[in-house]
Amino acid sequence: MIARVGSGKSTAGLIRYLFDTKEAKDHTDPHLVASWDGFAPDPGRADDFDATKKLLVADLDLRVKQARRLGRGPKQHVWHCSIRAAPEDRILSDDEWAEIARRIVAATGIAPEGDPDGCRWVAVRHAPDHIHIAATKVRGDLSPARHRNDYFTAGRELAAVEKEYGLRRVPSGDRTAAKRPTRAELEKARRAGHDQTARERLRIVVRTAVAAAVSTEEFFRILAETDAVLVNVKHFPSGDVRGYTVALRSDTNGAKEPIWYSGSGLSPDLSFPKIRQRLEAVEPRRDNRPGRSRTNPWYLATAAAERIPHHLDQTDAEAGQAHLAAFGEALDALPLRAPQALRPHLRQAASAFERATRSRVRAEHHHARALRGAVRAMVREPAPRDGALLAMFLDAALLVVMAAIRWHDVRRHEQQVVAARQTLLHLRAAYDQAAATPLAAVARRRPDQPTVERQIRHIQQVAPRHADEVLEDPGFDALTAVLAEAEKTGHDPVRLLRQAAEQRAMDDARNPAQVLTWRIKRLSASPVSSTPGRTPLRPSPSAQVTRTVQPQPSPTRRR
């Protein structure tokens, strides 16, 4: 069950909405299922609807008016809580909804059980799957209601209700989720023909700007140059930046003025101080150094992503959280350089993983400098003509998301686990589409049979646990081709295979031959090193795992 809690100024306005059946087409048979004393007038069951509605509003507002005469009335005196069951839950009876309403007002402090001075409230059911609780926030002694942390106390009580009533359990939150759209925002977006609210659209714009920028100055410049977006940078008297607000040109209020949102109002990690911390942790570019060839940033980004599962296996939670945040930025940036056909899947993946980038663990962003720097360099490159570059990165990204699921699951970050699993679905769809053509092209270069047989022996020697899976994988022909091509350029195929197999997460791979193909393609991209026994682009010692990693139980073991 999901609860939404809010406040308002008009008891009459809320009651009018709850009993409306004209504009709100999904409101059917609105009626009371419970109230503060069990005798509140019910407009939905009265012959004279308008008169009964006025009586109900007057009864709810009685203490509010008394408190205002004494100068105590709160400005936002209406408390509103909607409670919705999951689509697959059974239809609850009026009596069951009434009991749930009583438990919620008691748990949140609106009307504690046994308290004669509890606030006045009613529970209205106007659809089969949900109810609304409307209350006025003045107690019988005319003091303000004591409903601190009501959203979280309601969530805890609903978790108990789900267990007792046999309903679907909704993942609990940890106060790090972005603010949900309000009913007014949703209805405004619907009237304008948009699938997302202004707040949600701006959140995507700002996250993309963060992923592309290397400094706060560039971040604000990207926002200012984005079509249909207004940005207002706020400064301290000293001239230092204090914060920012953004708005959509088309999103205005009744006075035709833009509706502004602060960064923190879009998402907890989009406040200016948090954006500045992340941008200060971007590794500077080191292009055009004398005597050194420039490495393709797609290879660098893939190499950095491949090391994330190892980082998440360590005990440093702050470093793990930093890598997840940086990986989220990589997903935000991908649609900027991906083919048009892949962008819907990639945008959905980035939107889903956004929830998995935040938790109560504080990120130490300096740990993820390499990935951030590679992503910024990647964004500044023209869109790659070689589809293998994108497929290679997406292959690594799938294993990162699987590792993120385990990392959050161990820490009982329930909402983040759900978000990462949704991400996996969208990324798999994007990878399957992106990889099909380049894998087929590589597979057509399969070497002769003696070479293939020699490579089979190498695979059995280097990865005996996964050899059968690799040989049966549809991507095996592509693997033999890249191994043969690497050997022709002077690389040792056994060393390449060993290095690729040691880069963690083979146990997670649905197509291990494809995983090895992309890793070997990246590892063999540079000329052979003059250092004996060394292959170019070998990960640092901290990024290697030479021990045998035991499989960890997970519902998303294979991809």
Protein backbone atom coordinates (compact mmCIF):
# COMPACT_ATOMS: atom_id res chain seq x y z
CA MET A 1 0.00 0.00 0.00
CA ILE A 2 1.16 3.52 -0.76
CA ALA A 3 0.35 6.58 1.34
CA ARG A 4 0.63 10.20 0.23
CA VAL A 5 0.41 12.93 2.84
CA GLY A 6 -0.14 16.63 2.26
CA SER A 7 -1.55 19.84 3.71
CA GLY A 8 -3.96 22.48 2.46
CA LYS A 9 -5.92 25.61 3.28
CA SER A 10 -9.47 24.68 2.26
CA THR A 11 -11.53 21.98 3.93
CA ALA A 12 -14.43 22.71 1.56
CA GLY A 13 -12.17 22.37 -1.49
CA LEU A 14 -10.86 18.97 -0.42
CA ILE A 15 -14.32 17.63 0.46
CA ARG A 16 -15.63 18.91 -2.87
CA TYR A 17 -12.90 17.00 -4.70
CA LEU A 18 -13.41 13.78 -2.71
CA PHE A 19 -17.13 13.64 -3.50
CA ASP A 20 -16.87 14.87 -7.10
CA THR A 21 -18.12 12.46 -9.77
CA LYS A 22 -18.26 14.84 -12.75
CA GLU A 23 -14.75 16.04 -13.50
CA ALA A 24 -13.05 13.05 -11.84
CA LYS A 25 -14.40 10.15 -13.88
CA ASP A 26 -12.71 7.51 -11.72
CA HIS A 27 -14.71 8.61 -8.65
CA THR A 28 -17.54 6.10 -8.25
CA ASP A 29 -19.95 5.93 -5.34
CA PRO A 30 -18.12 8.34 -2.97
CA HIS A 31 -19.08 7.80 0.67
CA LEU A 32 -17.69 7.84 4.19
CA VAL A 33 -16.28 4.61 5.62
CA ALA A 34 -15.14 6.08 8.97
CA SER A 35 -14.97 9.34 10.91
CA TRP A 36 -13.72 10.79 14.19
CA ASP A 37 -16.84 9.83 16.14
CA GLY A 38 -18.64 7.49 13.75
CA PHE A 39 -21.54 9.94 13.29
CA ALA A 40 -20.22 12.49 10.78
CA PRO A 41 -22.72 13.54 8.09
CA ASP A 42 -22.15 11.63 4.83
CA PRO A 43 -22.92 13.64 1.65
CA GLY A 44 -22.59 10.47 -0.40
CA ARG A 45 -25.52 8.84 1.38
CA ALA A 46 -27.75 11.90 1.95
CA ASP A 47 -30.79 13.04 -0.04
CA ASP A 48 -29.61 16.66 0.00
CA PHE A 49 -25.97 16.44 -1.08
CA ASP A 50 -25.10 20.15 -0.95
CA ALA A 51 -26.62 20.75 2.49
CA THR A 52 -24.97 17.68 3.97
CA LYS A 53 -21.62 18.61 2.46
CA LYS A 54 -21.83 22.04 4.15
CA LEU A 55 -22.64 20.38 7.46
CA LEU A 56 -19.62 18.08 7.14
CA VAL A 57 -17.29 20.95 6.33
CA ALA A 58 -18.66 22.99 9.25
CA ASP A 59 -18.16 20.09 11.66
CA LEU A 60 -14.59 19.52 10.50
CA ASP A 61 -13.77 23.24 10.69
CA LEU A 62 -15.39 23.88 14.09
CA ARG A 63 -12.19 23.78 16.14
CA VAL A 64 -10.24 25.61 13.45
CA LYS A 65 -12.59 28.60 13.73
CA GLN A 66 -12.44 28.51 17.53
CA ALA A 67 -8.64 28.46 17.46
CA ARG A 68 -8.49 31.36 15.01
CA ARG A 69 -10.62 33.49 17.28
CA LEU A 70 -7.87 32.98 19.86
CA GLY A 71 -5.14 33.69 17.30
CA ARG A 72 -3.97 30.04 17.21
CA GLY A 73 -5.31 28.75 13.91
CA PRO A 74 -2.72 27.20 11.57
CA LYS A 75 -2.43 28.59 8.05
CA GLN A 76 -2.40 25.12 6.49
CA HIS A 77 -5.11 23.58 8.63
CA VAL A 78 -6.11 20.66 6.35
CA TRP A 79 -4.36 17.29 6.60
CA HIS A 80 -4.87 14.95 3.63
CA CYS A 81 -3.68 11.34 3.35
CA SER A 82 -4.50 9.07 0.41
CA ILE A 83 -3.96 5.32 0.76
CA ARG A 84 -3.93 3.11 -2.32
CA ALA A 85 -3.75 -0.68 -2.56
CA ALA A 86 -1.59 -2.40 -5.20
CA PRO A 87 -3.35 -3.35 -8.47
CA GLU A 88 -2.96 -7.06 -7.74
CA ASP A 89 -4.42 -6.80 -4.20
CA ARG A 90 -7.90 -8.06 -3.47
CA ILE A 91 -10.74 -5.54 -3.13
CA LEU A 92 -11.05 -4.55 0.52
CA SER A 93 -14.42 -4.05 2.17
CA ASP A 94 -15.62 -0.75 3.66
CA ASP A 95 -15.08 -2.18 7.14
CA GLU A 96 -11.48 -3.11 6.31
CA TRP A 97 -10.78 0.33 4.89
CA ALA A 98 -12.36 1.89 7.99
CA GLU A 99 -10.03 -0.08 10.27
CA ILE A 100 -7.02 0.93 8.15
CA ALA A 101 -8.05 4.59 8.37
CA ARG A 102 -8.35 4.41 12.17
CA ARG A 103 -4.91 2.82 12.42
CA ILE A 104 -3.35 5.52 10.22
CA VAL A 105 -4.78 8.52 12.09
CA ALA A 106 -3.71 6.90 15.37
CA ALA A 107 -0.17 6.08 14.16
CA THR A 108 0.44 9.52 12.64
CA GLY A 109 -0.73 11.44 15.71
CA ILE A 110 -3.78 12.98 14.05
CA ALA A 111 -6.14 11.09 16.38
CA PRO A 112 -4.21 8.84 18.80
CA GLU A 113 -6.19 5.89 20.10
CA GLY A 114 -7.98 6.71 23.34
CA ASP A 115 -7.26 10.45 23.07
CA PRO A 116 -10.52 12.44 23.50
CA ASP A 117 -8.82 15.56 22.08
CA GLY A 118 -7.76 13.96 18.80
CA CYS A 119 -8.35 15.89 15.57
CA ARG A 120 -11.56 15.57 13.61
CA TRP A 121 -11.25 13.43 10.50
CA VAL A 122 -13.20 11.46 7.90
CA ALA A 123 -12.23 8.66 5.54
CA VAL A 124 -13.82 8.81 2.07
CA ARG A 125 -13.89 5.94 -0.39
CA HIS A 126 -14.69 6.94 -3.95
CA ALA A 127 -12.96 4.09 -5.81
CA PRO A 128 -12.50 0.37 -5.12
CA ASP A 129 -8.73 0.50 -4.57
CA HIS A 130 -8.14 3.52 -2.33
CA ILE A 131 -9.43 5.90 0.33
CA HIS A 132 -8.69 9.49 1.32
CA ILE A 133 -8.45 10.70 4.90
CA ALA A 134 -9.31 14.38 5.43
CA ALA A 135 -8.63 15.96 8.83
CA THR A 136 -8.36 19.40 10.35
CA LYS A 137 -5.18 19.96 12.34
CA VAL A 138 -6.60 21.44 15.53
CA ARG A 139 -7.08 19.27 18.62
CA GLY A 140 -9.96 19.42 21.10
CA ASP A 141 -7.93 21.64 23.45
CA LEU A 142 -7.32 23.95 20.43
CA SER A 143 -3.62 23.07 20.30
CA PRO A 144 -1.96 22.11 16.98
CA ALA A 145 -1.98 18.48 15.87
CA ARG A 146 1.07 16.39 16.80
CA HIS A 147 1.82 14.66 13.51
CA ARG A 148 5.59 14.93 13.13
CA ASN A 149 7.05 12.53 10.53
CA ASP A 150 3.53 11.50 9.55
CA TYR A 151 4.56 10.18 6.13
CA PHE A 152 7.04 7.72 7.65
CA THR A 153 4.83 6.65 10.53
CA ALA A 154 2.02 6.03 8.04
CA GLY A 155 4.41 3.92 5.96
CA ARG A 156 5.41 1.81 8.95
CA GLU A 157 1.79 1.22 9.89
CA LEU A 158 0.87 0.28 6.33
CA ALA A 159 3.73 -2.24 6.25
CA ALA A 160 2.08 -3.95 9.23
CA VAL A 161 -1.32 -3.75 7.50
CA GLU A 162 0.11 -5.41 4.37
CA LYS A 163 1.44 -8.30 6.43
CA GLU A 164 -1.75 -8.79 8.45
CA TYR A 165 -4.13 -8.49 5.48
CA GLY A 166 -2.01 -10.58 3.09
CA LEU A 167 -1.44 -7.70 0.65
CA ARG A 168 1.52 -7.03 -1.61
CA ARG A 169 4.42 -5.56 0.32
CA VAL A 170 5.57 -2.20 -1.02
CA PRO A 171 9.33 -1.46 -0.59
CA SER A 172 9.98 0.98 2.22
CA GLY A 173 11.79 4.27 1.68
CA ASP A 174 14.72 5.94 3.40
CA ARG A 175 14.00 9.65 2.79
CA THR A 176 16.36 9.82 -0.19
CA ALA A 177 13.78 9.53 -2.98
CA ALA A 178 12.93 12.47 -5.20
CA LYS A 179 9.69 14.24 -4.35
CA ARG A 180 6.66 12.62 -5.92
CA PRO A 181 4.50 14.72 -8.24
CA THR A 182 1.47 16.21 -6.56
CA ARG A 183 -2.06 15.61 -7.83
CA ALA A 184 -2.17 19.17 -9.14
CA GLU A 185 1.10 18.68 -11.05
CA LEU A 186 -0.11 15.43 -12.58
CA GLU A 187 -3.40 16.94 -13.70
CA LYS A 188 -1.65 19.99 -15.14
CA ALA A 189 0.72 17.77 -17.15
CA ARG A 190 -2.21 15.71 -18.42
CA ARG A 191 -4.08 18.83 -19.56
CA ALA A 192 -0.97 19.99 -21.42
CA GLY A 193 -0.56 16.63 -23.13
CA HIS A 194 2.66 15.63 -21.34
CA ASP A 195 3.50 12.22 -19.90
CA GLN A 196 5.69 13.81 -17.22
CA THR A 197 5.21 16.74 -14.90
CA ALA A 198 7.32 19.89 -15.18
CA ARG A 199 9.29 18.84 -12.09
CA GLU A 200 10.13 15.44 -13.64
CA ARG A 201 11.14 16.96 -16.99
CA LEU A 202 13.38 19.49 -15.28
CA ARG A 203 14.95 16.76 -13.16
CA ILE A 204 16.05 14.96 -16.34
CA VAL A 205 17.42 18.18 -17.84
CA VAL A 206 19.46 19.01 -14.73
CA ARG A 207 20.79 15.47 -14.29
CA THR A 208 21.91 15.42 -17.93
CA ALA A 209 23.65 18.79 -17.49
CA VAL A 210 25.50 17.47 -14.44
CA ALA A 211 26.59 14.38 -16.38
CA ALA A 212 28.01 16.49 -19.22
CA ALA A 213 29.64 19.34 -17.25
CA VAL A 214 33.19 19.46 -15.87
CA SER A 215 32.64 22.55 -13.69
CA THR A 216 29.82 24.47 -12.06
CA GLU A 217 30.31 27.27 -14.60
CA GLU A 218 29.79 24.83 -17.46
CA PHE A 219 26.83 23.27 -15.65
CA PHE A 220 25.02 26.63 -15.56
CA ARG A 221 26.01 27.37 -19.15
CA ILE A 222 24.53 24.07 -20.37
CA LEU A 223 21.29 24.79 -18.53
CA ALA A 224 21.11 28.31 -19.95
CA GLU A 225 21.60 26.99 -23.49
CA THR A 226 18.93 24.29 -23.15
CA ASP A 227 15.80 25.07 -25.15
CA ALA A 228 12.66 25.91 -23.18
CA VAL A 229 14.54 26.04 -19.84
CA LEU A 230 15.06 29.11 -17.65
CA VAL A 231 17.80 29.18 -15.00
CA ASN A 232 18.28 31.68 -12.18
CA VAL A 233 21.63 31.54 -10.38
CA LYS A 234 21.55 32.99 -6.86
CA HIS A 235 24.61 34.56 -5.22
CA PHE A 236 25.80 35.54 -1.77
CA PRO A 237 26.74 39.21 -1.19
CA SER A 238 30.34 38.10 -1.69
CA GLY A 239 29.50 37.02 -5.24
CA ASP A 240 29.85 33.29 -4.56
CA VAL A 241 27.09 31.06 -5.90
CA ARG A 242 24.49 30.23 -3.26
CA GLY A 243 22.14 28.07 -5.32
CA TYR A 244 19.95 27.99 -8.39
CA THR A 245 16.38 27.56 -9.56
CA VAL A 246 15.06 26.33 -12.90
CA ALA A 247 11.77 26.58 -14.75
CA LEU A 248 10.18 25.57 -18.03
CA ARG A 249 9.15 28.48 -20.22
CA SER A 250 5.81 26.82 -20.88
CA ASP A 251 5.07 26.08 -17.20
CA THR A 252 3.45 29.18 -15.71
CA ASN A 253 1.07 30.08 -12.90
CA GLY A 254 -2.18 32.02 -13.07
CA ALA A 255 -0.27 35.28 -13.46
CA LYS A 256 1.65 33.85 -16.46
CA GLU A 257 4.86 33.79 -14.43
CA PRO A 258 7.31 30.85 -14.62
CA ILE A 259 7.06 28.27 -11.82
CA TRP A 260 10.54 27.91 -10.36
CA TYR A 261 12.02 24.82 -8.71
CA SER A 262 15.13 24.70 -6.57
CA GLY A 263 17.67 21.94 -7.23
CA SER A 264 16.85 20.21 -3.94
CA GLY A 265 13.16 20.50 -4.87
CA LEU A 266 13.87 18.38 -7.93
CA SER A 267 15.91 15.72 -6.14
CA PRO A 268 17.96 15.48 -2.91
CA ASP A 269 21.23 15.14 -4.87
CA LEU A 270 20.61 18.11 -7.19
CA SER A 271 21.12 20.88 -4.67
CA PHE A 272 23.98 23.20 -5.65
CA PRO A 273 26.35 22.10 -2.82
CA LYS A 274 25.93 18.43 -3.81
CA ILE A 275 26.38 19.15 -7.51
CA ARG A 276 29.54 21.12 -6.72
CA GLN A 277 30.94 18.18 -4.72
CA ARG A 278 30.37 15.85 -7.66
CA LEU A 279 31.88 18.20 -10.24
CA GLU A 280 34.94 18.75 -8.07
CA ALA A 281 35.48 14.97 -8.31
CA VAL A 282 35.87 14.91 -12.11
CA GLU A 283 39.28 13.68 -13.21
CA PRO A 284 40.86 16.26 -15.56
CA ARG A 285 41.44 15.24 -19.17
CA ARG A 286 44.98 14.29 -20.11
CA ASP A 287 44.81 14.37 -23.89
CA ASN A 288 47.69 15.15 -26.23
CA ARG A 289 50.47 14.36 -23.81
CA PRO A 290 53.81 14.20 -25.71
CA GLY A 291 54.84 10.73 -26.71
CA ARG A 292 51.54 9.08 -25.82
CA SER A 293 48.66 8.11 -28.07
CA ARG A 294 45.18 9.13 -27.10
CA THR A 295 42.95 6.35 -25.78
CA ASN A 296 39.35 6.31 -26.97
CA PRO A 297 37.19 7.61 -24.07
CA TRP A 298 34.63 4.86 -24.71
CA TYR A 299 37.32 2.30 -23.84
CA LEU A 300 38.24 4.28 -20.73
CA ALA A 301 34.62 4.56 -19.61
CA THR A 302 34.08 0.84 -20.17
CA ALA A 303 37.24 -0.02 -18.22
CA ALA A 304 36.12 2.18 -15.32
CA ALA A 305 32.64 0.64 -15.35
CA GLU A 306 34.06 -2.90 -15.37
CA ARG A 307 35.84 -2.15 -12.09
CA ILE A 308 32.69 -1.02 -10.27
CA PRO A 309 31.52 -4.54 -9.27
CA HIS A 310 34.89 -5.04 -7.56
CA HIS A 311 34.53 -1.73 -5.70
CA LEU A 312 31.04 -2.69 -4.57
CA ASP A 313 32.39 -5.94 -3.12
CA GLN A 314 34.65 -4.02 -0.73
CA THR A 315 33.76 -2.90 2.79
CA ASP A 316 34.05 0.82 1.99
CA ALA A 317 30.36 1.70 1.63
CA GLU A 318 31.07 5.40 0.98
CA ALA A 319 33.26 4.50 -1.99
CA GLY A 320 30.62 2.08 -3.28
CA GLN A 321 27.94 4.77 -3.09
CA ALA A 322 30.22 7.16 -4.97
CA HIS A 323 30.67 4.68 -7.82
CA LEU A 324 26.91 4.14 -8.08
CA ALA A 325 26.35 7.90 -8.29
CA ALA A 326 29.00 8.23 -11.01
CA PHE A 327 27.54 5.29 -12.92
CA GLY A 328 24.15 7.00 -12.78
CA GLU A 329 25.74 10.02 -14.46
CA ALA A 330 27.10 7.74 -17.18
CA LEU A 331 23.58 6.45 -17.86
CA ASP A 332 22.27 10.04 -17.91
CA ALA A 333 24.87 10.92 -20.55
CA LEU A 334 24.43 7.90 -22.84
CA PRO A 335 21.35 9.17 -24.73
CA LEU A 336 23.41 12.18 -25.86
CA ARG A 337 25.63 9.93 -27.98
CA ALA A 338 23.45 6.89 -28.71
CA PRO A 339 21.57 6.20 -31.95
CA GLN A 340 18.04 7.56 -32.03
CA ALA A 341 16.47 4.08 -31.93
CA LEU A 342 18.18 3.23 -28.63
CA ARG A 343 17.45 6.46 -26.79
CA PRO A 344 14.02 5.50 -25.39
CA HIS A 345 15.45 2.39 -23.68
CA LEU A 346 18.48 4.31 -22.42
CA ARG A 347 16.39 7.18 -21.06
CA GLN A 348 14.16 4.70 -19.25
CA ALA A 349 17.22 2.96 -17.81
CA ALA A 350 18.69 6.26 -16.61
CA SER A 351 15.36 7.33 -15.12
CA ALA A 352 14.97 4.03 -13.26
CA PHE A 353 18.54 3.92 -11.96
CA GLU A 354 18.26 7.49 -10.65
CA ARG A 355 16.58 6.06 -7.53
CA ALA A 356 19.42 3.55 -7.09
CA THR A 357 22.08 6.28 -7.04
CA ARG A 358 21.01 7.58 -3.62
CA SER A 359 20.82 6.01 -0.18
CA ARG A 360 21.52 6.98 3.42
CA VAL A 361 25.17 6.08 2.79
CA ARG A 362 27.17 9.27 2.23
CA ALA A 363 29.12 9.16 -1.04
CA GLU A 364 32.80 10.10 -1.07
CA HIS A 365 32.85 11.23 -4.67
CA HIS A 366 36.64 11.40 -5.11
CA HIS A 367 36.66 7.60 -5.40
CA ALA A 368 34.92 7.75 -8.80
CA ARG A 369 37.08 10.36 -10.55
CA ALA A 370 38.15 8.05 -13.38
CA LEU A 371 34.63 7.14 -14.49
CA ARG A 372 33.43 10.73 -14.27
CA GLY A 373 36.35 11.98 -16.33
CA ALA A 374 35.86 9.29 -18.96
CA VAL A 375 32.13 10.02 -19.24
CA ARG A 376 32.77 13.74 -19.80
CA ALA A 377 35.36 12.94 -22.46
CA MET A 378 32.93 10.51 -24.09
CA VAL A 379 30.21 13.18 -24.28
CA ARG A 380 32.61 15.54 -26.04
CA GLU A 381 33.33 13.00 -28.78
CA PRO A 382 31.21 12.78 -31.93
CA ALA A 383 28.66 9.99 -31.86
CA PRO A 384 30.59 6.76 -32.53
CA ARG A 385 30.11 5.18 -35.94
CA ASP A 386 31.21 1.84 -34.57
CA GLY A 387 28.22 0.33 -32.76
CA ALA A 388 30.61 -2.00 -30.95
CA LEU A 389 31.71 0.86 -28.68
CA LEU A 390 28.22 1.37 -27.29
CA ALA A 391 27.55 -2.39 -27.07
CA MET A 392 30.81 -2.84 -25.18
CA PHE A 393 29.86 -0.22 -22.61
CA LEU A 394 26.32 -1.58 -22.22
CA ASP A 395 27.70 -5.07 -21.65
CA ALA A 396 29.77 -3.74 -18.75
CA ALA A 397 26.81 -1.67 -17.53
CA LEU A 398 24.61 -4.76 -17.19
CA LEU A 399 27.11 -6.33 -14.81
CA VAL A 400 27.34 -3.08 -12.84
CA VAL A 401 23.56 -3.04 -12.32
CA MET A 402 23.59 -6.66 -11.15
CA ALA A 403 26.29 -5.79 -8.64
CA ALA A 404 24.26 -2.75 -7.55
CA ILE A 405 21.28 -4.99 -6.84
CA ARG A 406 23.40 -7.13 -4.52
CA TRP A 407 24.98 -4.08 -2.86
CA HIS A 408 21.63 -2.48 -2.07
CA ASP A 409 20.03 -5.79 -1.12
CA VAL A 410 22.68 -6.48 1.53
CA ARG A 411 21.95 -3.06 3.06
CA ARG A 412 18.16 -3.54 2.82
CA HIS A 413 17.70 -0.59 0.48
CA GLU A 414 14.39 -1.91 -0.80
CA GLN A 415 13.37 0.89 -3.17
CA GLN A 416 16.86 0.98 -4.68
CA VAL A 417 16.77 -2.77 -5.35
CA VAL A 418 13.46 -2.42 -7.18
CA ALA A 419 14.82 0.51 -9.21
CA ALA A 420 17.98 -1.38 -10.20
CA ARG A 421 15.93 -4.39 -11.34
CA GLN A 422 13.82 -2.12 -13.52
CA THR A 423 17.04 -0.62 -14.92
CA LEU A 424 18.24 -4.09 -15.85
CA LEU A 425 15.21 -4.70 -18.06
CA HIS A 426 15.72 -1.48 -20.04
CA LEU A 427 19.49 -1.97 -20.37
CA ARG A 428 19.07 -5.54 -21.61
CA ALA A 429 16.69 -4.33 -24.31
CA ALA A 430 19.17 -1.61 -25.33
CA TYR A 431 22.12 -4.02 -25.31
CA ASP A 432 20.36 -6.69 -27.38
CA GLN A 433 19.51 -4.06 -29.99
CA ALA A 434 22.94 -2.41 -29.95
CA ALA A 435 25.02 -5.61 -29.98
CA ALA A 436 23.27 -7.59 -32.71
CA THR A 437 24.91 -5.94 -35.73
CA PRO A 438 28.52 -5.56 -34.46
CA LEU A 439 28.56 -9.11 -33.05
CA ALA A 440 27.32 -10.53 -36.35
CA ALA A 441 29.98 -8.57 -38.23
CA VAL A 442 32.75 -9.85 -35.97
CA ALA A 443 31.44 -13.44 -36.07
CA ARG A 444 31.75 -13.47 -39.88
CA ARG A 445 35.54 -13.18 -39.41
CA ARG A 446 35.72 -16.50 -37.52
CA PRO A 447 39.18 -18.07 -38.06
CA ASP A 448 39.92 -21.51 -39.48
CA GLN A 449 39.09 -24.65 -37.51
CA PRO A 450 42.63 -25.40 -36.22
CA THR A 451 42.79 -21.90 -34.75
CA VAL A 452 39.35 -22.33 -33.16
CA GLU A 453 40.37 -25.65 -31.61
CA ARG A 454 43.51 -24.08 -30.18
CA GLN A 455 41.41 -21.27 -28.68
CA ILE A 456 39.01 -23.81 -27.15
CA ARG A 457 41.96 -25.34 -25.30
CA HIS A 458 42.99 -21.86 -24.11
CA ILE A 459 39.46 -21.20 -22.80
CA GLN A 460 39.33 -24.55 -20.99
CA GLN A 461 42.70 -23.78 -19.43
CA VAL A 462 41.92 -20.22 -18.32
CA ALA A 463 38.23 -20.49 -17.33
CA PRO A 464 37.41 -24.15 -16.59
CA ARG A 465 34.31 -23.24 -14.55
CA HIS A 466 32.74 -21.32 -17.42
CA ALA A 467 34.23 -23.14 -20.42
CA ASP A 468 31.11 -25.12 -21.34
CA GLU A 469 28.92 -22.01 -21.14
CA VAL A 470 31.37 -20.04 -23.29
CA LEU A 471 31.53 -22.76 -25.96
CA GLU A 472 27.72 -23.04 -26.13
CA ASP A 473 27.16 -19.27 -26.21
CA PRO A 474 25.84 -17.89 -29.55
CA GLY A 475 28.61 -15.27 -29.27
CA PHE A 476 31.40 -17.87 -29.38
CA ASP A 477 32.23 -17.22 -33.07
CA ALA A 478 32.75 -13.52 -32.33
CA LEU A 479 35.04 -14.43 -29.42
CA THR A 480 37.23 -16.63 -31.62
CA ALA A 481 37.45 -13.81 -34.18
CA VAL A 482 38.63 -11.13 -31.73
CA LEU A 483 41.12 -13.56 -30.16
CA ALA A 484 42.56 -14.39 -33.57
CA GLU A 485 42.80 -10.71 -34.52
CA ALA A 486 44.49 -9.86 -31.21
CA GLU A 487 46.99 -12.66 -31.75
CA LYS A 488 47.86 -11.31 -35.20
CA THR A 489 48.74 -7.93 -33.67
CA GLY A 490 51.15 -9.56 -31.22
CA HIS A 491 49.01 -10.18 -28.14
CA ASP A 492 49.20 -13.41 -26.19
CA PRO A 493 45.66 -14.91 -26.37
CA VAL A 494 46.09 -16.85 -23.12
CA ARG A 495 47.13 -13.74 -21.24
CA LEU A 496 44.26 -11.77 -22.76
CA LEU A 497 41.76 -14.46 -21.81
CA ARG A 498 43.09 -14.69 -18.28
CA GLN A 499 42.98 -10.96 -17.81
CA ALA A 500 39.45 -10.72 -19.23
CA ALA A 501 38.20 -13.60 -17.09
CA GLU A 502 39.70 -12.12 -13.91
CA GLN A 503 37.78 -8.86 -14.25
CA ARG A 504 34.98 -10.09 -11.93
CA ALA A 505 31.31 -10.79 -12.51
CA MET A 506 31.62 -13.73 -14.95
CA ASP A 507 29.21 -15.59 -12.68
CA ASP A 508 26.54 -13.00 -13.51
CA ALA A 509 26.91 -13.24 -17.26
CA ARG A 510 24.01 -14.63 -19.28
CA ASN A 511 26.29 -14.66 -22.37
CA PRO A 512 29.85 -15.18 -21.08
CA ALA A 513 31.35 -15.41 -24.59
CA GLN A 514 30.00 -11.95 -25.39
CA VAL A 515 31.38 -10.57 -22.12
CA LEU A 516 34.83 -11.96 -22.99
CA THR A 517 34.52 -10.68 -26.57
CA TRP A 518 34.00 -7.08 -25.52
CA ARG A 519 36.69 -7.21 -22.83
CA ILE A 520 39.28 -8.67 -25.20
CA LYS A 521 38.33 -6.18 -27.90
CA ARG A 522 38.99 -3.35 -25.46
CA LEU A 523 42.15 -4.85 -23.95
CA SER A 524 43.69 -5.48 -27.36
CA ALA A 525 42.86 -2.02 -28.72
CA SER A 526 46.31 -0.56 -27.92
CA PRO A 527 49.67 -1.65 -29.33
CA VAL A 528 51.46 -4.45 -27.52
CA SER A 529 53.39 -3.20 -24.51
CA SER A 530 57.16 -3.44 -24.58
CA THR A 531 57.11 -4.61 -20.97
CA PRO A 532 57.52 -8.40 -20.91
CA GLY A 533 54.51 -10.30 -19.67
CA ARG A 534 52.22 -7.28 -19.71
CA THR A 535 49.11 -6.58 -21.77
CA PRO A 536 48.09 -2.94 -22.44
CA LEU A 537 45.27 -1.35 -20.47
CA ARG A 538 45.62 -3.93 -17.72
CA PRO A 539 43.57 -2.82 -14.69
CA SER A 540 45.42 -1.60 -11.65
CA PRO A 541 46.08 -4.19 -8.90
CA SER A 542 43.21 -2.77 -6.87
CA ALA A 543 40.84 -3.53 -9.71
CA GLN A 544 41.80 -7.20 -10.07
CA VAL A 545 40.39 -10.18 -8.29
CA THR A 546 42.52 -13.31 -8.63
CA ARG A 547 40.72 -15.41 -6.06
CA THR A 548 37.77 -17.60 -6.96
CA VAL A 549 34.56 -15.68 -6.31
CA GLN A 550 31.76 -17.86 -5.05
CA PRO A 551 28.38 -17.21 -6.68
CA GLN A 552 26.02 -15.17 -4.54
CA PRO A 553 22.33 -16.04 -4.54
CA SER A 554 20.32 -13.44 -6.40
CA PRO A 555 17.09 -13.40 -8.39
CA THR A 556 19.03 -11.70 -11.22
CA ARG A 557 21.95 -14.11 -11.46
CA ARG A 558 22.08 -14.42 -15.23
CA ARG A 559 21.75 -12.01 -18.06
